[in-house]
Amino acid sequence: MKVKDMRLLSTAELQAKLDDARHELMNLRFQSVTGQLTDTSRLKKTRRLIAQFETILSEQKSAGQREGEK
């Protein structure tokens, strides 16, 4: 999913996708520890995805606060 598409999602949808990504990261960590993970690049990709979701949520939150001030 591209950042451009992420910005079009609602806050609830972003939060749901963030929760899913965090759950996937937890599963990937377990697989890595037990030696079952073959594609280790998925760890980095998932961490980056989580950071993107958190950044967009933060931007939406600050934009909402700015609108409240006006």
N, C-alpha and C. Protein backbone atom coordinates (compact mmCIF):
# COMPACT_ATOMS: atom_id res chain seq x y z
N MET A 1 0.84 -1.17 0.00
CA MET A 1 0.00 0.00 0.00
C MET A 1 0.89 1.23 0.00
N LYS A 2 0.56 2.17 -0.86
CA LYS A 2 1.34 3.38 -0.96
C LYS A 2 0.85 4.41 0.06
N VAL A 3 1.74 5.31 0.42
CA VAL A 3 1.41 6.34 1.40
C VAL A 3 0.26 7.19 0.90
N LYS A 4 0.23 7.45 -0.38
CA LYS A 4 -0.85 8.25 -0.98
C LYS A 4 -2.21 7.59 -0.71
N ASP A 5 -2.25 6.28 -0.83
CA ASP A 5 -3.49 5.56 -0.56
C ASP A 5 -3.80 5.53 0.94
N MET A 6 -2.76 5.45 1.76
CA MET A 6 -2.96 5.41 3.21
C MET A 6 -3.60 6.69 3.71
N ARG A 7 -3.23 7.81 3.13
CA ARG A 7 -3.74 9.11 3.57
C ARG A 7 -5.24 9.25 3.30
N LEU A 8 -5.77 8.45 2.38
CA LEU A 8 -7.19 8.52 2.05
C LEU A 8 -8.05 7.72 3.02
N LEU A 9 -7.43 6.87 3.84
CA LEU A 9 -8.18 6.04 4.78
C LEU A 9 -8.62 6.86 5.99
N SER A 10 -9.68 6.40 6.60
CA SER A 10 -10.15 7.07 7.83
C SER A 10 -9.25 6.68 8.99
N THR A 11 -9.40 7.39 10.07
CA THR A 11 -8.59 7.12 11.27
C THR A 11 -8.85 5.72 11.80
N ALA A 12 -10.09 5.28 11.79
CA ALA A 12 -10.43 3.95 12.29
C ALA A 12 -9.80 2.86 11.41
N GLU A 13 -9.83 3.07 10.10
CA GLU A 13 -9.23 2.09 9.19
C GLU A 13 -7.72 2.03 9.37
N LEU A 14 -7.11 3.21 9.54
CA LEU A 14 -5.66 3.24 9.76
C LEU A 14 -5.30 2.53 11.06
N GLN A 15 -6.08 2.77 12.10
CA GLN A 15 -5.81 2.13 13.39
C GLN A 15 -5.94 0.61 13.28
N ALA A 16 -6.93 0.15 12.53
CA ALA A 16 -7.12 -1.29 12.34
C ALA A 16 -5.94 -1.89 11.58
N LYS A 17 -5.50 -1.21 10.54
CA LYS A 17 -4.36 -1.71 9.76
C LYS A 17 -3.08 -1.67 10.59
N LEU A 18 -2.95 -0.66 11.45
CA LEU A 18 -1.79 -0.58 12.33
C LEU A 18 -1.78 -1.76 13.30
N ASP A 19 -2.93 -2.07 13.86
CA ASP A 19 -3.02 -3.21 14.77
C ASP A 19 -2.67 -4.51 14.06
N ASP A 20 -3.14 -4.67 12.83
CA ASP A 20 -2.81 -5.87 12.05
C ASP A 20 -1.32 -5.96 11.78
N ALA A 21 -0.71 -4.83 11.45
CA ALA A 21 0.72 -4.82 11.15
C ALA A 21 1.53 -5.15 12.41
N ARG A 22 1.11 -4.63 13.55
CA ARG A 22 1.81 -4.94 14.80
C ARG A 22 1.69 -6.43 15.14
N HIS A 23 0.52 -6.99 14.89
CA HIS A 23 0.32 -8.42 15.13
C HIS A 23 1.20 -9.24 14.19
N GLU A 24 1.29 -8.82 12.93
CA GLU A 24 2.14 -9.52 11.97
C GLU A 24 3.61 -9.44 12.39
N LEU A 25 4.04 -8.27 12.88
CA LEU A 25 5.42 -8.12 13.33
C LEU A 25 5.72 -9.05 14.50
N MET A 26 4.77 -9.18 15.41
CA MET A 26 4.95 -10.08 16.54
C MET A 26 5.12 -11.52 16.04
N ASN A 27 4.28 -11.92 15.09
CA ASN A 27 4.39 -13.27 14.53
C ASN A 27 5.71 -13.47 13.81
N LEU A 28 6.15 -12.46 13.09
CA LEU A 28 7.44 -12.56 12.38
C LEU A 28 8.60 -12.70 13.37
N ARG A 29 8.51 -11.98 14.48
CA ARG A 29 9.57 -12.10 15.49
C ARG A 29 9.61 -13.51 16.07
N PHE A 30 8.43 -14.08 16.35
CA PHE A 30 8.39 -15.45 16.85
C PHE A 30 8.99 -16.41 15.84
N GLN A 31 8.64 -16.23 14.57
CA GLN A 31 9.17 -17.10 13.52
C GLN A 31 10.68 -16.95 13.41
N SER A 32 11.17 -15.73 13.57
CA SER A 32 12.60 -15.49 13.48
C SER A 32 13.35 -16.19 14.61
N VAL A 33 12.81 -16.12 15.81
CA VAL A 33 13.46 -16.72 16.97
C VAL A 33 13.47 -18.25 16.86
N THR A 34 12.37 -18.80 16.34
CA THR A 34 12.28 -20.26 16.24
C THR A 34 12.94 -20.80 14.99
N GLY A 35 13.44 -19.91 14.12
CA GLY A 35 14.14 -20.36 12.93
C GLY A 35 13.23 -20.71 11.77
N GLN A 36 11.97 -20.33 11.83
CA GLN A 36 11.02 -20.66 10.78
C GLN A 36 10.94 -19.58 9.71
N LEU A 37 11.47 -18.39 9.98
CA LEU A 37 11.35 -17.27 9.05
C LEU A 37 12.42 -17.39 7.97
N THR A 38 12.00 -17.47 6.72
CA THR A 38 12.96 -17.58 5.63
C THR A 38 13.22 -16.23 4.97
N ASP A 39 12.21 -15.37 4.91
CA ASP A 39 12.36 -14.06 4.30
C ASP A 39 12.50 -13.00 5.39
N THR A 40 13.73 -12.74 5.81
CA THR A 40 13.96 -11.83 6.92
C THR A 40 13.68 -10.37 6.55
N SER A 41 13.58 -10.08 5.26
CA SER A 41 13.31 -8.70 4.86
C SER A 41 11.90 -8.28 5.24
N ARG A 42 11.02 -9.24 5.50
CA ARG A 42 9.65 -8.91 5.91
C ARG A 42 9.64 -8.18 7.25
N LEU A 43 10.62 -8.44 8.11
CA LEU A 43 10.70 -7.73 9.39
C LEU A 43 10.88 -6.23 9.15
N LYS A 44 11.82 -5.88 8.29
CA LYS A 44 12.09 -4.48 8.01
C LYS A 44 10.89 -3.82 7.32
N LYS A 45 10.29 -4.52 6.38
CA LYS A 45 9.14 -3.98 5.66
C LYS A 45 7.97 -3.73 6.60
N THR A 46 7.76 -4.64 7.52
CA THR A 46 6.64 -4.50 8.46
C THR A 46 6.89 -3.36 9.45
N ARG A 47 8.13 -3.23 9.92
CA ARG A 47 8.46 -2.12 10.82
C ARG A 47 8.27 -0.79 10.11
N ARG A 48 8.67 -0.72 8.85
CA ARG A 48 8.51 0.51 8.08
C ARG A 48 7.03 0.83 7.88
N LEU A 49 6.23 -0.19 7.61
CA LEU A 49 4.79 -0.01 7.42
C LEU A 49 4.14 0.54 8.70
N ILE A 50 4.55 0.00 9.83
CA ILE A 50 4.03 0.46 11.13
C ILE A 50 4.40 1.94 11.33
N ALA A 51 5.63 2.30 11.00
CA ALA A 51 6.06 3.69 11.15
C ALA A 51 5.25 4.61 10.24
N GLN A 52 4.95 4.17 9.04
CA GLN A 52 4.15 4.98 8.13
C GLN A 52 2.74 5.19 8.66
N PHE A 53 2.14 4.12 9.16
CA PHE A 53 0.80 4.24 9.73
C PHE A 53 0.80 5.20 10.91
N GLU A 54 1.79 5.07 11.80
CA GLU A 54 1.85 5.94 12.97
C GLU A 54 2.07 7.40 12.58
N THR A 55 2.88 7.63 11.56
CA THR A 55 3.13 8.99 11.10
C THR A 55 1.86 9.62 10.55
N ILE A 56 1.14 8.88 9.73
CA ILE A 56 -0.08 9.41 9.14
C ILE A 56 -1.13 9.67 10.22
N LEU A 57 -1.24 8.76 11.19
CA LEU A 57 -2.18 8.98 12.29
C LEU A 57 -1.81 10.23 13.08
N SER A 58 -0.54 10.43 13.31
CA SER A 58 -0.07 11.61 14.03
C SER A 58 -0.38 12.88 13.24
N GLU A 59 -0.17 12.83 11.92
CA GLU A 59 -0.48 13.99 11.09
C GLU A 59 -1.96 14.32 11.12
N GLN A 60 -2.80 13.29 11.06
CA GLN A 60 -4.24 13.51 11.11
C GLN A 60 -4.65 14.10 12.45
N LYS A 61 -4.03 13.62 13.52
CA LYS A 61 -4.35 14.12 14.85
C LYS A 61 -3.97 15.60 14.97
N SER A 62 -2.78 15.96 14.50
CA SER A 62 -2.34 17.35 14.60
C SER A 62 -3.16 18.25 13.67
N ALA A 63 -3.57 17.73 12.52
CA ALA A 63 -4.41 18.51 11.62
C ALA A 63 -5.77 18.76 12.26
N GLY A 64 -6.29 17.78 12.97
CA GLY A 64 -7.57 17.95 13.66
C GLY A 64 -7.48 18.97 14.77
N GLN A 65 -6.36 19.00 15.46
CA GLN A 65 -6.18 19.97 16.53
C GLN A 65 -6.04 21.38 15.96
N ARG A 66 -5.38 21.50 14.80
CA ARG A 66 -5.24 22.82 14.18
C ARG A 66 -6.58 23.34 13.73
N GLU A 67 -7.44 22.45 13.23
CA GLU A 67 -8.77 22.88 12.80
C GLU A 67 -9.60 23.31 14.01
N GLY A 68 -9.39 22.66 15.14
CA GLY A 68 -10.11 23.01 16.36
C GLY A 68 -9.72 24.38 16.90
N GLU A 69 -8.49 24.78 16.64
CA GLU A 69 -8.01 26.08 17.11
C GLU A 69 -8.59 27.22 16.30
N LYS A 70 -8.91 26.98 15.06
CA LYS A 70 -9.40 28.07 14.19
C LYS A 70 -10.82 28.42 14.46
